[in-house]
C-alpha atoms as a PDB file:
ATOM      1  CA  LEU A   1     -27.353  43.017-335.848  1.00  0.00           C
ATOM      2  CA  ASP A   2     -24.863  40.658-334.110  1.00  0.00           C
ATOM      3  CA  ALA A   3     -25.940  41.917-330.518  1.00  0.00           C
ATOM      4  CA  ASP A   4     -25.198  39.733-327.485  1.00  0.00           C
ATOM      5  CA  PHE A   5     -28.260  40.155-325.388  1.00  0.00           C
ATOM      6  CA  ASP A   6     -28.510  37.709-322.676  1.00  0.00           C
ATOM      7  CA  VAL A   7     -32.424  36.989-323.319  1.00  0.00           C
ATOM      8  CA  ASP A   8     -32.595  35.022-319.824  1.00  0.00           C
ATOM      9  CA  GLN A   9     -31.511  38.240-318.277  1.00  0.00           C
ATOM     10  CA  PHE A  10     -34.626  40.472-319.350  1.00  0.00           C
ATOM     11  CA  ALA A  11     -38.656  39.794-317.952  1.00  0.00           C
ATOM     12  CA  HIS A  12     -41.811  40.807-320.266  1.00  0.00           C
ATOM     13  CA  VAL A  13     -43.999  43.114-319.086  1.00  0.00           C
ATOM     14  CA  ALA A  14     -47.195  44.495-319.956  1.00  0.00           C
ATOM     15  CA  VAL A  15     -48.808  47.502-318.570  1.00  0.00           C
ATOM     16  CA  TRP A  16     -52.233  48.969-319.231  1.00  0.00           C
ATOM     17  CA  ASN A  17     -52.132  52.766-320.058  1.00  0.00           C
ATOM     18  CA  ALA A  18     -55.808  53.674-319.559  1.00  0.00           C
ATOM     19  CA  PRO A  19     -55.512  57.553-320.762  1.00  0.00           C
ATOM     20  CA  LEU A  20     -54.249  56.177-324.068  1.00  0.00           C
ATOM     21  CA  SER A  21     -56.439  52.692-324.729  1.00  0.00           C
ATOM     22  CA  ARG A  22     -53.688  50.493-325.277  1.00  0.00           C
ATOM     23  CA  VAL A  23     -51.660  47.881-323.360  1.00  0.00           C
ATOM     24  CA  GLU A  24     -47.589  48.381-323.649  1.00  0.00           C
ATOM     25  CA  MET A  25     -45.132  45.364-323.741  1.00  0.00           C
ATOM     26  CA  HIS A  26     -41.474  45.840-322.379  1.00  0.00           C
ATOM     27  CA  LEU A  27     -38.630  44.212-321.484  1.00  0.00           C
ATOM     28  CA  GLU A  28     -37.108  44.781-318.353  1.00  0.00           C
ATOM     29  CA  ALA A  29     -33.603  43.943-317.217  1.00  0.00           C
ATOM     30  CA  ARG A  30     -33.124  41.591-314.494  1.00  0.00           C
ATOM     31  CA  SER A  31     -29.435  42.389-313.926  1.00  0.00           C
ATOM     32  CA  ALA A  32     -27.090  45.568-314.322  1.00  0.00           C
ATOM     33  CA  GLN A  33     -25.632  44.570-317.984  1.00  0.00           C
ATOM     34  CA  LEU A  34     -24.133  46.153-321.063  1.00  0.00           C
ATOM     35  CA  VAL A  35     -25.050  44.699-324.223  1.00  0.00           C
ATOM     36  CA  ARG A  36     -23.132  45.242-327.295  1.00  0.00           C
ATOM     37  CA  ILE A  37     -24.798  45.499-331.161  1.00  0.00           C
ATOM     38  CA  ARG A  38     -21.820  44.729-332.902  1.00  0.00           C
ATOM     39  CA  ALA A  39     -22.883  45.799-336.397  1.00  0.00           C
ATOM     40  CA  LEU A  40     -23.898  49.265-335.154  1.00  0.00           C
ATOM     41  CA  ASP A  41     -20.757  49.386-333.104  1.00  0.00           C
ATOM     42  CA  LEU A  42     -22.774  50.433-330.258  1.00  0.00           C
ATOM     43  CA  GLN A  43     -22.968  49.578-326.562  1.00  0.00           C
ATOM     44  CA  ILE A  44     -25.563  49.830-324.172  1.00  0.00           C
ATOM     45  CA  THR A  45     -25.783  49.807-320.269  1.00  0.00           C
ATOM     46  CA  PHE A  46     -28.946  48.707-318.853  1.00  0.00           C
ATOM     47  CA  LEU A  47     -29.515  49.029-315.305  1.00  0.00           C
ATOM     48  CA  THR A  48     -31.690  46.581-313.034  1.00  0.00           C
ATOM     49  CA  GLY A  49     -35.136  47.593-313.573  1.00  0.00           C
ATOM     50  CA  GLU A  50     -34.669  49.384-316.850  1.00  0.00           C
ATOM     51  CA  ARG A  51     -36.767  49.079-320.230  1.00  0.00           C
ATOM     52  CA  ILE A  52     -37.087  48.887-323.942  1.00  0.00           C
ATOM     53  CA  HIS A  53     -40.601  49.760-324.755  1.00  0.00           C
ATOM     54  CA  THR A  54     -40.921  46.857-327.642  1.00  0.00           C
ATOM     55  CA  GLU A  55     -44.901  47.163-328.531  1.00  0.00           C
ATOM     56  CA  SER A  56     -47.756  49.341-328.240  1.00  0.00           C
ATOM     57  CA  SER A  57     -51.275  47.444-328.685  1.00  0.00           C
ATOM     58  CA  HIS A  58     -53.815  49.757-329.201  1.00  0.00           C
ATOM     59  CA  LYS A  59     -57.649  49.045-328.238  1.00  0.00           C
ATOM     60  CA  TYR A  60     -60.679  50.845-329.599  1.00  0.00           C
ATOM     61  CA  THR A  61     -63.995  50.871-329.009  1.00  0.00           C
ATOM     62  CA  LEU A  62     -66.788  50.194-331.690  1.00  0.00           C
ATOM     63  CA  ALA A  63     -67.393  53.903-332.020  1.00  0.00           C
ATOM     64  CA  SER A  64     -63.569  54.541-332.240  1.00  0.00           C
ATOM     65  CA  VAL A  65     -63.286  52.406-334.889  1.00  0.00           C
ATOM     66  CA  ASP A  66     -66.110  53.793-336.887  1.00  0.00           C
ATOM     67  CA  ALA A  67     -64.619  57.390-336.323  1.00  0.00           C
ATOM     68  CA  LEU A  68     -61.220  55.977-337.156  1.00  0.00           C
ATOM     69  CA  THR A  69     -62.885  54.686-340.712  1.00  0.00           C
ATOM     70  CA  SER A  70     -64.971  58.346-341.123  1.00  0.00           C
ATOM     71  CA  GLY A  71     -63.995  59.754-344.481  1.00  0.00           C
ATOM     72  CA  THR A  72     -61.745  57.025-345.757  1.00  0.00           C
ATOM     73  CA  GLY A  73     -64.155  55.310-348.269  1.00  0.00           C
ATOM     74  CA  LEU A  74     -64.200  52.294-346.011  1.00  0.00           C
ATOM     75  CA  THR A  75     -67.519  51.346-343.675  1.00  0.00           C
ATOM     76  CA  ARG A  76     -67.483  48.669-340.685  1.00  0.00           C
ATOM     77  CA  GLU A  77     -69.793  46.057-342.668  1.00  0.00           C
ATOM     78  CA  ARG A  78     -69.391  43.204-339.743  1.00  0.00           C
ATOM     79  CA  THR A  79     -68.281  42.891-336.285  1.00  0.00           C
ATOM     80  CA  TRP A  80     -67.403  40.213-334.653  1.00  0.00           C
ATOM     81  CA  LEU A  81     -66.727  40.071-330.839  1.00  0.00           C
ATOM     82  CA  ASP A  82     -65.238  38.205-327.933  1.00  0.00           C
ATOM     83  CA  ASP A  83     -67.527  37.645-325.155  1.00  0.00           C
ATOM     84  CA  ASP A  84     -65.473  35.610-323.344  1.00  0.00           C
ATOM     85  CA  THR A  85     -63.219  38.147-322.605  1.00  0.00           C
ATOM     86  CA  ALA A  86     -62.644  41.687-320.646  1.00  0.00           C
ATOM     87  CA  PRO A  87     -62.927  44.164-322.036  1.00  0.00           C
ATOM     88  CA  GLY A  88     -63.102  41.944-324.957  1.00  0.00           C
ATOM     89  CA  PHE A  89     -61.808  41.594-328.463  1.00  0.00           C
ATOM     90  CA  ALA A  90     -63.109  42.324-331.850  1.00  0.00           C
ATOM     91  CA  GLU A  91     -62.454  41.707-335.618  1.00  0.00           C
ATOM     92  CA  HIS A  92     -64.174  43.890-338.027  1.00  0.00           C
ATOM     93  CA  LEU A  93     -64.850  43.246-341.825  1.00  0.00           C
ATOM     94  CA  LEU A  94     -64.642  46.809-343.671  1.00  0.00           C
ATOM     95  CA  ARG A  95     -65.868  47.251-347.436  1.00  0.00           C
ATOM     96  CA  ALA A  96     -65.152  50.181-349.554  1.00  0.00           C
ATOM     97  CA  VAL A  97     -68.266  52.163-350.321  1.00  0.00           C
END
């Protein structure tokens, strides 16, 4: 979009949002700045500490994965758990039923 973000003037910030069970990723302005996005003919002013929400990484329990697939024609056939992390990561193999 032909923007002139100075990436060195933004810090990556990750925040755990417990009520929504997700990690939220942000870019936080390290200084006040004006960013031009030429393709949109847009100028954005950032204040020091102002954030751009860039991503949400949702976390699910095994029960919530089963609830999500309920009624979809899919079933959780196998799950691989990473016991070395807290609260842990999982990969699921879903199969059509």
